[in-house]
């Protein structure tokens, strides 16, 4: 009990220090597209406890893409991530885009490979074998494959200046092989090549995440930011 309390106190003190030192940035999350407007609304939705701020404003986990030229430079200063990416590659894992609606059984196998994630049971939506996945020009699905099967994946949603990572999931039997670091490196490489105008990879927030997920984000190069999410509607004729 005492150890648990001390751990919570240490974490609170760390959060206070983080709040005092995190960078503040303005980021365009919408240029008027339908999906972008949905994303912006979600990012700005009031925090469930602290109503005066948006739920994804304080401690947003961002990876600034203008800090490196390619995925090799991205990994250059991330020793732990680089080591795990190399391990996964040596073991035969590869990264590729895929159509989730053609890989439902593989994704279901990922979702059911562990009884819970981050200390919580899986959302029922993830356990529906007939689930359909939203696709279109605003989405990419990046997967880690082993022997032709998807064993880790995430959905990348493009909105304004961000590529947002969500549904980040790996098969429990393969996590020790470094597949989640390979997946993140694959997202970075794909976004840098396919969407060079993108300024940030966004992966939810640091606050509210488990200690393990915070550590993963930090090792993968994400940093907490205080973000002013904004709309920037382009003049007619210039919108993509």
Protein backbone atom coordinates (compact mmCIF):
# COMPACT_ATOMS: atom_id res chain seq x y z
CA UNK A 1 0.00 0.00 0.00
CA UNK A 2 2.75 2.45 0.99
CA UNK A 3 4.76 1.57 -2.09
CA UNK A 4 1.72 2.18 -4.30
CA UNK A 5 1.12 5.59 -2.71
CA UNK A 6 4.76 6.57 -3.13
CA UNK A 7 4.60 5.51 -6.77
CA UNK A 8 1.53 7.71 -7.34
CA UNK A 9 3.23 10.65 -5.62
CA UNK A 10 6.35 10.27 -7.75
CA UNK A 11 4.24 10.09 -10.89
CA UNK A 12 2.30 13.19 -9.86
CA UNK A 13 5.51 15.14 -9.24
CA UNK A 14 6.83 14.01 -12.61
CA UNK A 15 3.62 15.16 -14.29
CA UNK A 16 3.89 18.57 -12.61
CA UNK A 17 7.45 18.97 -13.86
CA UNK A 18 6.36 17.89 -17.34
CA UNK A 19 3.51 20.41 -17.35
CA UNK A 20 5.91 23.19 -16.43
CA UNK A 21 8.44 22.42 -19.14
CA UNK A 22 6.50 21.02 -22.12
CA UNK A 23 6.61 22.91 -25.42
CA UNK A 24 3.54 24.86 -26.57
CA UNK A 25 2.69 24.63 -30.25
CA UNK A 26 -0.06 25.67 -32.67
CA UNK A 27 -1.03 22.85 -35.04
CA UNK A 28 -3.51 22.82 -37.90
CA UNK A 29 -5.79 19.81 -37.51
CA UNK A 30 -8.33 20.75 -40.18
CA UNK A 31 -8.45 22.54 -43.50
CA UNK A 32 -12.17 22.02 -43.85
CA UNK A 33 -12.42 18.36 -44.85
CA UNK A 34 -15.20 16.23 -43.36
CA UNK A 35 -12.84 13.80 -41.62
CA UNK A 36 -10.58 16.62 -40.52
CA UNK A 37 -13.50 18.40 -38.89
CA UNK A 38 -14.36 15.22 -36.99
CA UNK A 39 -10.77 14.97 -35.78
CA UNK A 40 -10.63 18.63 -34.74
CA UNK A 41 -13.87 18.32 -32.81
CA UNK A 42 -12.55 15.25 -30.97
CA UNK A 43 -9.24 16.92 -30.13
CA UNK A 44 -11.02 19.97 -28.74
CA UNK A 45 -13.71 18.08 -26.82
CA UNK A 46 -13.63 19.16 -23.15
CA UNK A 47 -11.60 17.06 -20.79
CA UNK A 48 -13.92 14.82 -18.73
CA UNK A 49 -12.49 16.16 -15.46
CA UNK A 50 -10.96 19.55 -16.33
CA UNK A 51 -13.66 21.14 -18.46
CA UNK A 52 -11.71 24.30 -19.28
CA UNK A 53 -9.22 22.48 -21.53
CA UNK A 54 -9.60 20.10 -24.46
CA UNK A 55 -9.11 16.42 -23.71
CA UNK A 56 -6.22 16.14 -26.18
CA UNK A 57 -4.60 19.54 -25.54
CA UNK A 58 -2.31 18.97 -22.56
CA UNK A 59 0.43 16.38 -22.95
CA UNK A 60 -0.27 15.50 -26.59
CA UNK A 61 2.30 12.92 -27.71
CA UNK A 62 3.94 14.36 -30.82
CA UNK A 63 6.83 13.32 -33.03
CA UNK A 64 7.99 16.37 -35.06
CA UNK A 65 8.81 15.10 -38.54
CA UNK A 66 10.87 18.12 -39.59
CA UNK A 67 13.59 17.09 -37.12
CA UNK A 68 14.89 14.31 -39.37
CA UNK A 69 15.14 13.57 -43.07
CA UNK A 70 14.26 9.87 -43.15
CA UNK A 71 13.61 6.87 -40.96
CA UNK A 72 17.33 6.19 -40.51
CA UNK A 73 17.81 9.68 -39.07
CA UNK A 74 14.71 9.19 -36.95
CA UNK A 75 16.23 6.12 -35.33
CA UNK A 76 19.76 7.52 -35.11
CA UNK A 77 19.31 9.04 -31.63
CA UNK A 78 16.85 6.42 -30.33
CA UNK A 79 19.16 3.63 -29.22
CA UNK A 80 16.48 1.47 -27.58
CA UNK A 81 14.04 1.79 -30.48
CA UNK A 82 16.77 1.22 -33.07
CA UNK A 83 17.88 -1.98 -31.31
CA UNK A 84 14.34 -3.36 -31.28
CA UNK A 85 13.64 -2.42 -34.89
CA UNK A 86 16.78 -4.28 -35.95
CA UNK A 87 15.80 -7.31 -33.89
CA UNK A 88 12.36 -7.47 -35.49
CA UNK A 89 13.84 -7.12 -38.95
CA UNK A 90 16.39 -9.89 -38.30
CA UNK A 91 13.56 -12.17 -37.20
CA UNK A 92 11.83 -11.73 -40.55
CA UNK A 93 9.15 -9.15 -39.75
CA UNK A 94 8.31 -6.64 -42.47
CA UNK A 95 6.12 -3.54 -42.77
CA UNK A 96 3.45 -2.96 -45.42
CA UNK A 97 0.13 -1.22 -46.03
CA UNK A 98 -2.91 -3.48 -46.06
CA UNK A 99 -6.69 -3.47 -46.41
CA UNK A 100 -8.16 -4.23 -42.97
CA UNK A 101 -11.45 -5.47 -44.39
CA UNK A 102 -9.55 -8.23 -46.16
CA UNK A 103 -7.63 -9.20 -43.01
CA UNK A 104 -10.41 -9.37 -40.42
CA UNK A 105 -9.43 -12.80 -39.08
CA UNK A 106 -5.81 -11.72 -38.59
CA UNK A 107 -6.82 -8.53 -36.79
CA UNK A 108 -9.23 -10.47 -34.60
CA UNK A 109 -6.40 -12.83 -33.69
CA UNK A 110 -4.37 -9.79 -32.60
CA UNK A 111 -7.24 -8.36 -30.59
CA UNK A 112 -7.90 -11.63 -28.75
CA UNK A 113 -4.26 -12.56 -28.14
CA UNK A 114 -4.25 -10.87 -24.70
CA UNK A 115 -7.08 -10.72 -22.15
CA UNK A 116 -6.56 -6.99 -21.55
CA UNK A 117 -4.60 -3.98 -22.78
CA UNK A 118 -3.13 -1.30 -20.53
CA UNK A 119 -4.83 -2.94 -17.57
CA UNK A 120 -8.31 -2.85 -19.12
CA UNK A 121 -10.37 -5.47 -20.97
CA UNK A 122 -10.70 -5.12 -24.71
CA UNK A 123 -13.53 -2.95 -26.01
CA UNK A 124 -16.30 -5.19 -27.45
CA UNK A 125 -15.94 -3.49 -30.84
CA UNK A 126 -12.51 -5.08 -31.19
CA UNK A 127 -13.93 -8.55 -30.56
CA UNK A 128 -16.61 -8.50 -33.26
CA UNK A 129 -15.56 -10.86 -36.10
CA UNK A 130 -17.91 -9.05 -38.50
CA UNK A 131 -16.57 -5.58 -37.74
CA UNK A 132 -15.93 -3.32 -40.72
CA UNK A 133 -13.07 -0.87 -40.84
CA UNK A 134 -13.30 2.69 -42.03
CA UNK A 135 -11.16 3.30 -45.11
CA UNK A 136 -10.66 6.03 -47.69
CA UNK A 137 -8.15 8.68 -48.78
CA UNK A 138 -7.81 10.04 -45.23
CA UNK A 139 -6.73 6.67 -43.83
CA UNK A 140 -3.87 4.23 -44.15
CA UNK A 141 -3.45 0.95 -42.32
CA UNK A 142 0.17 0.09 -41.63
CA UNK A 143 0.96 -3.45 -40.57
CA UNK A 144 3.84 -5.58 -39.39
CA UNK A 145 3.76 -8.93 -41.17
CA UNK A 146 5.31 -12.28 -40.36
CA UNK A 147 5.06 -15.08 -42.92
CA UNK A 148 2.38 -13.11 -44.75
CA UNK A 149 0.12 -12.52 -41.73
CA UNK A 150 -0.46 -9.21 -39.95
CA UNK A 151 0.80 -9.43 -36.34
CA UNK A 152 0.73 -5.73 -35.46
CA UNK A 153 -0.99 -2.73 -36.98
CA UNK A 154 -2.22 0.78 -36.58
CA UNK A 155 -4.58 3.08 -38.41
CA UNK A 156 -3.03 6.32 -39.61
CA UNK A 157 -5.51 9.15 -39.99
CA UNK A 158 -4.44 12.28 -41.86
CA UNK A 159 -5.85 15.60 -40.66
CA UNK A 160 -4.30 18.98 -41.36
CA UNK A 161 -0.64 18.82 -40.38
CA UNK A 162 -0.82 15.57 -38.42
CA UNK A 163 -0.75 11.86 -39.07
CA UNK A 164 -2.63 10.41 -36.11
CA UNK A 165 -1.84 6.89 -34.95
CA UNK A 166 -4.76 5.00 -33.43
CA UNK A 167 -5.87 1.38 -33.04
CA UNK A 168 -2.21 0.63 -32.27
CA UNK A 169 -2.21 -3.08 -31.54
CA UNK A 170 0.20 -6.00 -31.53
CA UNK A 171 -0.23 -9.77 -31.13
CA UNK A 172 0.74 -10.87 -27.63
CA UNK A 173 2.90 -13.73 -28.91
CA UNK A 174 5.13 -11.35 -30.87
CA UNK A 175 5.49 -8.28 -28.65
CA UNK A 176 8.86 -9.35 -27.24
CA UNK A 177 10.31 -9.32 -30.78
CA UNK A 178 10.17 -5.52 -31.03
CA UNK A 179 7.26 -5.39 -33.46
CA UNK A 180 5.73 -2.22 -32.01
CA UNK A 181 8.93 -0.25 -32.54
CA UNK A 182 9.15 -1.63 -36.06
CA UNK A 183 5.54 -0.58 -36.61
CA UNK A 184 6.21 2.98 -35.42
CA UNK A 185 9.31 3.23 -37.61
CA UNK A 186 7.22 1.95 -40.52
CA UNK A 187 4.63 4.65 -39.93
CA UNK A 188 7.33 7.32 -39.85
CA UNK A 189 8.90 6.03 -43.06
CA UNK A 190 5.57 5.82 -44.87
CA UNK A 191 4.38 9.26 -43.82
CA UNK A 192 7.69 10.90 -44.71
CA UNK A 193 7.52 9.41 -48.21
CA UNK A 194 3.79 9.48 -48.98
CA UNK A 195 2.75 12.67 -47.15
CA UNK A 196 5.88 14.84 -46.96
CA UNK A 197 3.83 17.90 -46.04
CA UNK A 198 2.84 16.30 -42.72
CA UNK A 199 4.51 18.02 -39.77
CA UNK A 200 3.80 15.66 -36.88
CA UNK A 201 2.95 12.08 -36.03
CA UNK A 202 0.44 12.26 -33.17
CA UNK A 203 -0.15 9.37 -30.75
CA UNK A 204 -2.82 10.42 -28.24
CA UNK A 205 -1.48 11.85 -24.94
CA UNK A 206 1.03 11.05 -22.22
CA UNK A 207 -1.32 11.87 -19.35
CA UNK A 208 -3.77 9.07 -18.71
CA UNK A 209 -1.54 6.48 -20.37
CA UNK A 210 -0.10 3.64 -18.34
CA UNK A 211 3.52 3.78 -17.22
CA UNK A 212 4.43 1.16 -19.81
CA UNK A 213 2.78 3.04 -22.66
CA UNK A 214 4.44 6.30 -21.59
CA UNK A 215 7.79 4.56 -21.63
CA UNK A 216 7.12 3.16 -25.10
CA UNK A 217 6.16 6.57 -26.46
CA UNK A 218 9.27 8.16 -24.95
CA UNK A 219 11.57 5.47 -26.35
CA UNK A 220 9.92 5.88 -29.76
CA UNK A 221 10.75 9.60 -29.74
CA UNK A 222 7.38 11.13 -28.84
CA UNK A 223 7.37 14.14 -26.52
CA UNK A 224 4.51 15.77 -24.57
CA UNK A 225 3.24 19.12 -25.87
CA UNK A 226 0.61 21.69 -24.98
CA UNK A 227 -1.25 22.09 -28.27
CA UNK A 228 -3.57 24.74 -29.66
CA UNK A 229 -5.44 22.68 -32.24
CA UNK A 230 -6.74 24.97 -34.95
CA UNK A 231 -8.58 25.17 -38.24
CA UNK A 232 -7.03 26.73 -41.34
CA UNK A 233 -9.41 26.80 -44.28
CA UNK A 234 -7.55 27.32 -47.54
CA UNK A 235 -8.77 29.70 -50.25
CA UNK A 236 -11.20 28.13 -52.71
CA UNK A 237 -9.34 26.31 -55.48
CA UNK A 238 -6.33 25.43 -53.34
CA UNK A 239 -7.93 22.77 -51.14
CA UNK A 240 -6.82 19.20 -51.79
